[in-house]
């Protein structure tokens, strides 16, 4: 993700934390655009705030699990 952030937002767009994670803060005008960007990053990002975006990401993840959940096949 580091190089993606550098490419898209510049070298100064994040702060490397002591644990090696990157803290990225950015203003956004479109919540749906932010969510789409985050989903494109798959599980490599964690939303810290706002809570409304975390809630929407959670709902999307739950919907996807329901859609792709593997059902155990019972052999009779």
PDB file of N, CA and C in Angstrom:
ATOM      1  N   UNK A   1       0.818  -1.199   0.000  1.00  0.00           N
ATOM      2  CA  UNK A   1       0.000   0.000   0.000  1.00  0.00           C
ATOM      3  C   UNK A   1       0.861   1.262   0.000  1.00  0.00           C
ATOM      4  N   UNK A   2       2.055   1.165   0.540  1.00  0.00           N
ATOM      5  CA  UNK A   2       2.907   2.350   0.615  1.00  0.00           C
ATOM      6  C   UNK A   2       3.111   2.969  -0.763  1.00  0.00           C
ATOM      7  N   UNK A   3       3.457   2.136  -1.757  1.00  0.00           N
ATOM      8  CA  UNK A   3       3.737   2.683  -3.080  1.00  0.00           C
ATOM      9  C   UNK A   3       2.476   3.164  -3.766  1.00  0.00           C
ATOM     10  N   UNK A   4       1.347   2.540  -3.471  1.00  0.00           N
ATOM     11  CA  UNK A   4       0.075   3.021  -4.029  1.00  0.00           C
ATOM     12  C   UNK A   4      -0.246   4.408  -3.480  1.00  0.00           C
ATOM     13  N   UNK A   5      -0.028   4.608  -2.186  1.00  0.00           N
ATOM     14  CA  UNK A   5      -0.267   5.923  -1.592  1.00  0.00           C
ATOM     15  C   UNK A   5       0.690   6.967  -2.166  1.00  0.00           C
ATOM     16  N   UNK A   6       1.963   6.602  -2.325  1.00  0.00           N
ATOM     17  CA  UNK A   6       2.938   7.527  -2.902  1.00  0.00           C
ATOM     18  C   UNK A   6       2.509   7.903  -4.317  1.00  0.00           C
ATOM     19  N   UNK A   7       2.119   6.901  -5.093  1.00  0.00           N
ATOM     20  CA  UNK A   7       1.726   7.128  -6.484  1.00  0.00           C
ATOM     21  C   UNK A   7       0.488   8.017  -6.590  1.00  0.00           C
ATOM     22  N   UNK A   8      -0.514   7.740  -5.760  1.00  0.00           N
ATOM     23  CA  UNK A   8      -1.789   8.452  -5.861  1.00  0.00           C
ATOM     24  C   UNK A   8      -1.825   9.782  -5.107  1.00  0.00           C
ATOM     25  N   UNK A   9      -1.137   9.855  -3.952  1.00  0.00           N
ATOM     26  CA  UNK A   9      -1.285  11.027  -3.086  1.00  0.00           C
ATOM     27  C   UNK A   9       0.016  11.730  -2.716  1.00  0.00           C
ATOM     28  N   UNK A  10       1.151  11.144  -3.055  1.00  0.00           N
ATOM     29  CA  UNK A  10       2.425  11.780  -2.764  1.00  0.00           C
ATOM     30  C   UNK A  10       3.132  11.202  -1.544  1.00  0.00           C
ATOM     31  N   UNK A  11       4.414  11.494  -1.463  1.00  0.00           N
ATOM     32  CA  UNK A  11       5.272  10.953  -0.403  1.00  0.00           C
ATOM     33  C   UNK A  11       4.814  11.401   0.985  1.00  0.00           C
ATOM     34  N   UNK A  12       4.324  12.607   1.107  1.00  0.00           N
ATOM     35  CA  UNK A  12       3.928  13.129   2.417  1.00  0.00           C
ATOM     36  C   UNK A  12       2.492  12.836   2.801  1.00  0.00           C
ATOM     37  N   UNK A  13       1.847  11.877   2.139  1.00  0.00           N
ATOM     38  CA  UNK A  13       0.421  11.626   2.380  1.00  0.00           C
ATOM     39  C   UNK A  13       0.158  10.695   3.560  1.00  0.00           C
ATOM     40  N   UNK A  14       1.204  10.140   4.142  1.00  0.00           N
ATOM     41  CA  UNK A  14       1.026   9.190   5.243  1.00  0.00           C
ATOM     42  C   UNK A  14       2.179   9.314   6.214  1.00  0.00           C
ATOM     43  N   UNK A  15       1.981   8.754   7.407  1.00  0.00           N
ATOM     44  CA  UNK A  15       3.030   8.712   8.425  1.00  0.00           C
ATOM     45  C   UNK A  15       3.219   7.247   8.810  1.00  0.00           C
ATOM     46  N   UNK A  16       4.457   6.790   8.741  1.00  0.00           N
ATOM     47  CA  UNK A  16       4.737   5.420   9.145  1.00  0.00           C
ATOM     48  C   UNK A  16       4.730   5.344  10.669  1.00  0.00           C
ATOM     49  N   UNK A  17       3.962   4.407  11.190  1.00  0.00           N
ATOM     50  CA  UNK A  17       3.811   4.230  12.627  1.00  0.00           C
ATOM     51  C   UNK A  17       4.912   3.302  13.161  1.00  0.00           C
ATOM     52  N   UNK A  18       5.172   3.325  14.479  1.00  0.00           N
ATOM     53  CA  UNK A  18       6.214   2.468  15.059  1.00  0.00           C
ATOM     54  C   UNK A  18       6.022   0.977  14.759  1.00  0.00           C
ATOM     55  N   UNK A  19       4.762   0.543  14.587  1.00  0.00           N
ATOM     56  CA  UNK A  19       4.513  -0.877  14.307  1.00  0.00           C
ATOM     57  C   UNK A  19       4.615  -1.211  12.817  1.00  0.00           C
ATOM     58  N   UNK A  20       4.986  -0.220  11.984  1.00  0.00           N
ATOM     59  CA  UNK A  20       5.168  -0.456  10.564  1.00  0.00           C
ATOM     60  C   UNK A  20       3.945  -0.140   9.711  1.00  0.00           C
ATOM     61  N   UNK A  21       2.794   0.079  10.361  1.00  0.00           N
ATOM     62  CA  UNK A  21       1.606   0.447   9.593  1.00  0.00           C
ATOM     63  C   UNK A  21       1.721   1.891   9.130  1.00  0.00           C
ATOM     64  N   UNK A  22       0.899   2.253   8.174  1.00  0.00           N
ATOM     65  CA  UNK A  22       0.905   3.612   7.643  1.00  0.00           C
ATOM     66  C   UNK A  22      -0.395   4.299   8.039  1.00  0.00           C
ATOM     67  N   UNK A  23      -0.286   5.502   8.560  1.00  0.00           N
ATOM     68  CA  UNK A  23      -1.458   6.299   8.902  1.00  0.00           C
ATOM     69  C   UNK A  23      -1.677   7.291   7.771  1.00  0.00           C
ATOM     70  N   UNK A  24      -2.789   7.136   7.082  1.00  0.00           N
ATOM     71  CA  UNK A  24      -3.127   7.955   5.928  1.00  0.00           C
ATOM     72  C   UNK A  24      -4.372   8.758   6.261  1.00  0.00           C
ATOM     73  N   UNK A  25      -4.289  10.064   6.138  1.00  0.00           N
ATOM     74  CA  UNK A  25      -5.431  10.943   6.358  1.00  0.00           C
ATOM     75  C   UNK A  25      -5.640  11.760   5.102  1.00  0.00           C
ATOM     76  N   UNK A  26      -6.893  11.826   4.661  1.00  0.00           N
ATOM     77  CA  UNK A  26      -7.173  12.545   3.438  1.00  0.00           C
ATOM     78  C   UNK A  26      -8.622  13.007   3.449  1.00  0.00           C
ATOM     79  N   UNK A  27      -8.849  14.206   2.990  1.00  0.00           N
ATOM     80  CA  UNK A  27     -10.212  14.701   2.840  1.00  0.00           C
ATOM     81  C   UNK A  27     -10.854  14.014   1.645  1.00  0.00           C
ATOM     82  N   UNK A  28     -12.137  13.761   1.750  1.00  0.00           N
ATOM     83  CA  UNK A  28     -12.849  13.174   0.625  1.00  0.00           C
ATOM     84  C   UNK A  28     -14.194  13.858   0.502  1.00  0.00           C
ATOM     85  N   UNK A  29     -14.626  14.012  -0.735  1.00  0.00           N
ATOM     86  CA  UNK A  29     -15.893  14.697  -0.992  1.00  0.00           C
ATOM     87  C   UNK A  29     -17.032  13.706  -1.175  1.00  0.00           C
ATOM     88  N   UNK A  30     -16.696  12.479  -1.547  1.00  0.00           N
ATOM     89  CA  UNK A  30     -17.702  11.491  -1.903  1.00  0.00           C
ATOM     90  C   UNK A  30     -17.485  10.216  -1.096  1.00  0.00           C
ATOM     91  N   UNK A  31     -18.378   9.936  -0.163  1.00  0.00           N
ATOM     92  CA  UNK A  31     -18.242   8.763   0.700  1.00  0.00           C
ATOM     93  C   UNK A  31     -18.245   7.471  -0.109  1.00  0.00           C
ATOM     94  N   UNK A  32     -19.085   7.387  -1.140  1.00  0.00           N
ATOM     95  CA  UNK A  32     -19.120   6.181  -1.966  1.00  0.00           C
ATOM     96  C   UNK A  32     -17.794   5.985  -2.695  1.00  0.00           C
ATOM     97  N   UNK A  33     -17.177   7.072  -3.147  1.00  0.00           N
ATOM     98  CA  UNK A  33     -15.867   6.981  -3.785  1.00  0.00           C
ATOM     99  C   UNK A  33     -14.810   6.478  -2.818  1.00  0.00           C
ATOM    100  N   UNK A  34     -14.859   6.961  -1.588  1.00  0.00           N
ATOM    101  CA  UNK A  34     -13.921   6.504  -0.559  1.00  0.00           C
ATOM    102  C   UNK A  34     -14.099   5.014  -0.315  1.00  0.00           C
ATOM    103  N   UNK A  35     -15.329   4.576  -0.186  1.00  0.00           N
ATOM    104  CA  UNK A  35     -15.608   3.162   0.069  1.00  0.00           C
ATOM    105  C   UNK A  35     -15.126   2.309  -1.100  1.00  0.00           C
ATOM    106  N   UNK A  36     -15.359   2.756  -2.321  1.00  0.00           N
ATOM    107  CA  UNK A  36     -14.885   2.015  -3.494  1.00  0.00           C
ATOM    108  C   UNK A  36     -13.369   1.900  -3.482  1.00  0.00           C
ATOM    109  N   UNK A  37     -12.685   3.001  -3.146  1.00  0.00           N
ATOM    110  CA  UNK A  37     -11.231   2.980  -3.086  1.00  0.00           C
ATOM    111  C   UNK A  37     -10.759   1.996  -2.019  1.00  0.00           C
ATOM    112  N   UNK A  38     -11.400   2.034  -0.859  1.00  0.00           N
ATOM    113  CA  UNK A  38     -11.003   1.131   0.227  1.00  0.00           C
ATOM    114  C   UNK A  38     -11.220  -0.328  -0.160  1.00  0.00           C
ATOM    115  N   UNK A  39     -12.336  -0.614  -0.807  1.00  0.00           N
ATOM    116  CA  UNK A  39     -12.601  -1.986  -1.236  1.00  0.00           C
ATOM    117  C   UNK A  39     -11.577  -2.443  -2.276  1.00  0.00           C
ATOM    118  N   UNK A  40     -11.083  -1.525  -3.089  1.00  0.00           N
ATOM    119  CA  UNK A  40     -10.064  -1.894  -4.076  1.00  0.00           C
ATOM    120  C   UNK A  40      -8.752  -2.283  -3.389  1.00  0.00           C
ATOM    121  N   UNK A  41      -8.580  -1.855  -2.159  1.00  0.00           N
ATOM    122  CA  UNK A  41      -7.382  -2.197  -1.385  1.00  0.00           C
ATOM    123  C   UNK A  41      -7.525  -3.524  -0.648  1.00  0.00           C
ATOM    124  N   UNK A  42      -8.687  -4.131  -0.779  1.00  0.00           N
ATOM    125  CA  UNK A  42      -9.018  -5.405  -0.142  1.00  0.00           C
ATOM    126  C   UNK A  42      -8.805  -5.313   1.369  1.00  0.00           C
ATOM    127  N   UNK A  43      -8.091  -6.253   1.950  1.00  0.00           N
ATOM    128  CA  UNK A  43      -7.922  -6.296   3.404  1.00  0.00           C
ATOM    129  C   UNK A  43      -6.657  -5.578   3.873  1.00  0.00           C
ATOM    130  N   UNK A  44      -6.052  -4.775   3.012  1.00  0.00           N
ATOM    131  CA  UNK A  44      -4.806  -4.101   3.358  1.00  0.00           C
ATOM    132  C   UNK A  44      -5.008  -2.764   4.058  1.00  0.00           C
ATOM    133  N   UNK A  45      -6.248  -2.330   4.217  1.00  0.00           N
ATOM    134  CA  UNK A  45      -6.523  -1.064   4.894  1.00  0.00           C
ATOM    135  C   UNK A  45      -7.534  -1.287   6.012  1.00  0.00           C
ATOM    136  N   UNK A  46      -7.476  -0.408   7.009  1.00  0.00           N
ATOM    137  CA  UNK A  46      -8.426  -0.416   8.117  1.00  0.00           C
ATOM    138  C   UNK A  46      -8.950   0.997   8.289  1.00  0.00           C
ATOM    139  N   UNK A  47     -10.243   1.143   8.202  1.00  0.00           N
ATOM    140  CA  UNK A  47     -10.876   2.455   8.387  1.00  0.00           C
ATOM    141  C   UNK A  47     -10.910   2.768   9.875  1.00  0.00           C
ATOM    142  N   UNK A  48     -10.399   3.913  10.262  1.00  0.00           N
ATOM    143  CA  UNK A  48     -10.438   4.326  11.664  1.00  0.00           C
ATOM    144  C   UNK A  48     -11.627   5.230  11.938  1.00  0.00           C
ATOM    145  N   UNK A  49     -11.917   6.117  11.020  1.00  0.00           N
ATOM    146  CA  UNK A  49     -13.067   7.004  11.145  1.00  0.00           C
ATOM    147  C   UNK A  49     -13.377   7.612   9.797  1.00  0.00           C
ATOM    148  N   UNK A  50     -14.540   8.026   9.525  1.00  0.00           N
ATOM    149  CA  UNK A  50     -15.706   8.149  10.404  1.00  0.00           C
ATOM    150  C   UNK A  50     -16.443   6.815  10.579  1.00  0.00           C
ATOM    151  N   UNK A  51     -17.195   6.754  11.637  1.00  0.00           N
ATOM    152  CA  UNK A  51     -17.943   5.558  11.991  1.00  0.00           C
ATOM    153  C   UNK A  51     -18.929   5.158  10.887  1.00  0.00           C
ATOM    154  N   UNK A  52     -19.493   6.143  10.199  1.00  0.00           N
ATOM    155  CA  UNK A  52     -20.472   5.842   9.142  1.00  0.00           C
ATOM    156  C   UNK A  52     -19.836   5.025   8.015  1.00  0.00           C
ATOM    157  N   UNK A  53     -18.576   5.305   7.695  1.00  0.00           N
ATOM    158  CA  UNK A  53     -17.881   4.543   6.655  1.00  0.00           C
ATOM    159  C   UNK A  53     -17.572   3.141   7.166  1.00  0.00           C
ATOM    160  N   UNK A  54     -17.162   3.025   8.418  1.00  0.00           N
ATOM    161  CA  UNK A  54     -16.919   1.705   9.002  1.00  0.00           C
ATOM    162  C   UNK A  54     -18.184   0.864   8.958  1.00  0.00           C
ATOM    163  N   UNK A  55     -19.326   1.472   9.280  1.00  0.00           N
ATOM    164  CA  UNK A  55     -20.607   0.755   9.263  1.00  0.00           C
ATOM    165  C   UNK A  55     -20.952   0.280   7.857  1.00  0.00           C
ATOM    166  N   UNK A  56     -20.742   1.126   6.861  1.00  0.00           N
ATOM    167  CA  UNK A  56     -21.050   0.744   5.481  1.00  0.00           C
ATOM    168  C   UNK A  56     -20.114  -0.359   5.000  1.00  0.00           C
ATOM    169  N   UNK A  57     -18.836  -0.279   5.333  1.00  0.00           N
ATOM    170  CA  UNK A  57     -17.900  -1.337   4.960  1.00  0.00           C
ATOM    171  C   UNK A  57     -18.288  -2.662   5.603  1.00  0.00           C
ATOM    172  N   UNK A  58     -18.717  -2.604   6.846  1.00  0.00           N
ATOM    173  CA  UNK A  58     -19.153  -3.811   7.550  1.00  0.00           C
ATOM    174  C   UNK A  58     -20.358  -4.422   6.841  1.00  0.00           C
ATOM    175  N   UNK A  59     -21.310  -3.589   6.473  1.00  0.00           N
ATOM    176  CA  UNK A  59     -22.513  -4.092   5.810  1.00  0.00           C
ATOM    177  C   UNK A  59     -22.175  -4.699   4.450  1.00  0.00           C
ATOM    178  N   UNK A  60     -21.294  -4.064   3.705  1.00  0.00           N
ATOM    179  CA  UNK A  60     -20.870  -4.597   2.408  1.00  0.00           C
ATOM    180  C   UNK A  60     -20.186  -5.953   2.600  1.00  0.00           C
ATOM    181  N   UNK A  61     -19.308  -6.047   3.591  1.00  0.00           N
ATOM    182  CA  UNK A  61     -18.607  -7.309   3.857  1.00  0.00           C
ATOM    183  C   UNK A  61     -19.600  -8.410   4.228  1.00  0.00           C
ATOM    184  N   UNK A  62     -20.589  -8.082   5.049  1.00  0.00           N
ATOM    185  CA  UNK A  62     -21.602  -9.071   5.430  1.00  0.00           C
ATOM    186  C   UNK A  62     -22.404  -9.517   4.210  1.00  0.00           C
ATOM    187  N   UNK A  63     -22.768  -8.576   3.362  1.00  0.00           N
ATOM    188  CA  UNK A  63     -23.510  -8.914   2.149  1.00  0.00           C
ATOM    189  C   UNK A  63     -22.691  -9.823   1.240  1.00  0.00           C
ATOM    190  N   UNK A  64     -21.391  -9.544   1.140  1.00  0.00           N
ATOM    191  CA  UNK A  64     -20.523 -10.369   0.302  1.00  0.00           C
ATOM    192  C   UNK A  64     -20.370 -11.772   0.881  1.00  0.00           C
ATOM    193  N   UNK A  65     -20.247 -11.865   2.181  1.00  0.00           N
ATOM    194  CA  UNK A  65     -20.153 -13.184   2.818  1.00  0.00           C
ATOM    195  C   UNK A  65     -21.405 -13.984   2.514  1.00  0.00           C
ATOM    196  N   UNK A  66     -22.555 -13.351   2.646  1.00  0.00           N
ATOM    197  CA  UNK A  66     -23.810 -14.040   2.360  1.00  0.00           C
ATOM    198  C   UNK A  66     -23.893 -14.503   0.917  1.00  0.00           C
ATOM    199  N   UNK A  67     -23.377 -13.703   0.020  1.00  0.00           N
ATOM    200  CA  UNK A  67     -23.426 -14.040  -1.405  1.00  0.00           C
ATOM    201  C   UNK A  67     -22.482 -15.185  -1.755  1.00  0.00           C
ATOM    202  N   UNK A  68     -21.312 -15.219  -1.140  1.00  0.00           N
ATOM    203  CA  UNK A  68     -20.286 -16.180  -1.520  1.00  0.00           C
ATOM    204  C   UNK A  68     -20.041 -17.277  -0.494  1.00  0.00           C
ATOM    205  N   UNK A  69     -20.814 -17.284   0.564  1.00  0.00           N
ATOM    206  CA  UNK A  69     -20.635 -18.298   1.596  1.00  0.00           C
ATOM    207  C   UNK A  69     -20.799 -19.686   1.012  1.00  0.00           C
ATOM    208  N   UNK A  70     -19.893 -20.557   1.340  1.00  0.00           N
ATOM    209  CA  UNK A  70     -19.959 -21.941   0.858  1.00  0.00           C
ATOM    210  C   UNK A  70     -20.851 -22.744   1.796  1.00  0.00           C
ATOM    211  N   UNK A  71     -21.797 -23.358   1.227  1.00  0.00           N
ATOM    212  CA  UNK A  71     -22.704 -24.220   1.995  1.00  0.00           C
ATOM    213  C   UNK A  71     -22.112 -25.639   1.991  1.00  0.00           C
ATOM    214  N   UNK A  72     -22.142 -26.248   3.165  1.00  0.00           N
ATOM    215  CA  UNK A  72     -21.647 -27.624   3.228  1.00  0.00           C
ATOM    216  C   UNK A  72     -22.615 -28.531   2.501  1.00  0.00           C
ATOM    217  N   UNK A  73     -22.067 -29.371   1.676  1.00  0.00           N
ATOM    218  CA  UNK A  73     -22.894 -30.334   0.968  1.00  0.00           C
ATOM    219  C   UNK A  73     -22.975 -31.604   1.795  1.00  0.00           C
ATOM    220  N   UNK A  74     -24.197 -32.052   2.035  1.00  0.00           N
ATOM    221  CA  UNK A  74     -24.387 -33.285   2.789  1.00  0.00           C
ATOM    222  C   UNK A  74     -24.601 -34.428   1.800  1.00  0.00           C
ATOM    223  N   UNK A  75     -23.811 -35.441   1.964  1.00  0.00           N
ATOM    224  CA  UNK A  75     -23.946 -36.603   1.097  1.00  0.00           C
ATOM    225  C   UNK A  75     -24.831 -37.623   1.796  1.00  0.00           C
ATOM    226  N   UNK A  76     -25.805 -38.129   1.104  1.00  0.00           N
ATOM    227  CA  UNK A  76     -26.762 -39.021   1.739  1.00  0.00           C
ATOM    228  C   UNK A  76     -26.613 -40.420   1.481  1.00  0.00           C
TER     229      UNK A  76
END
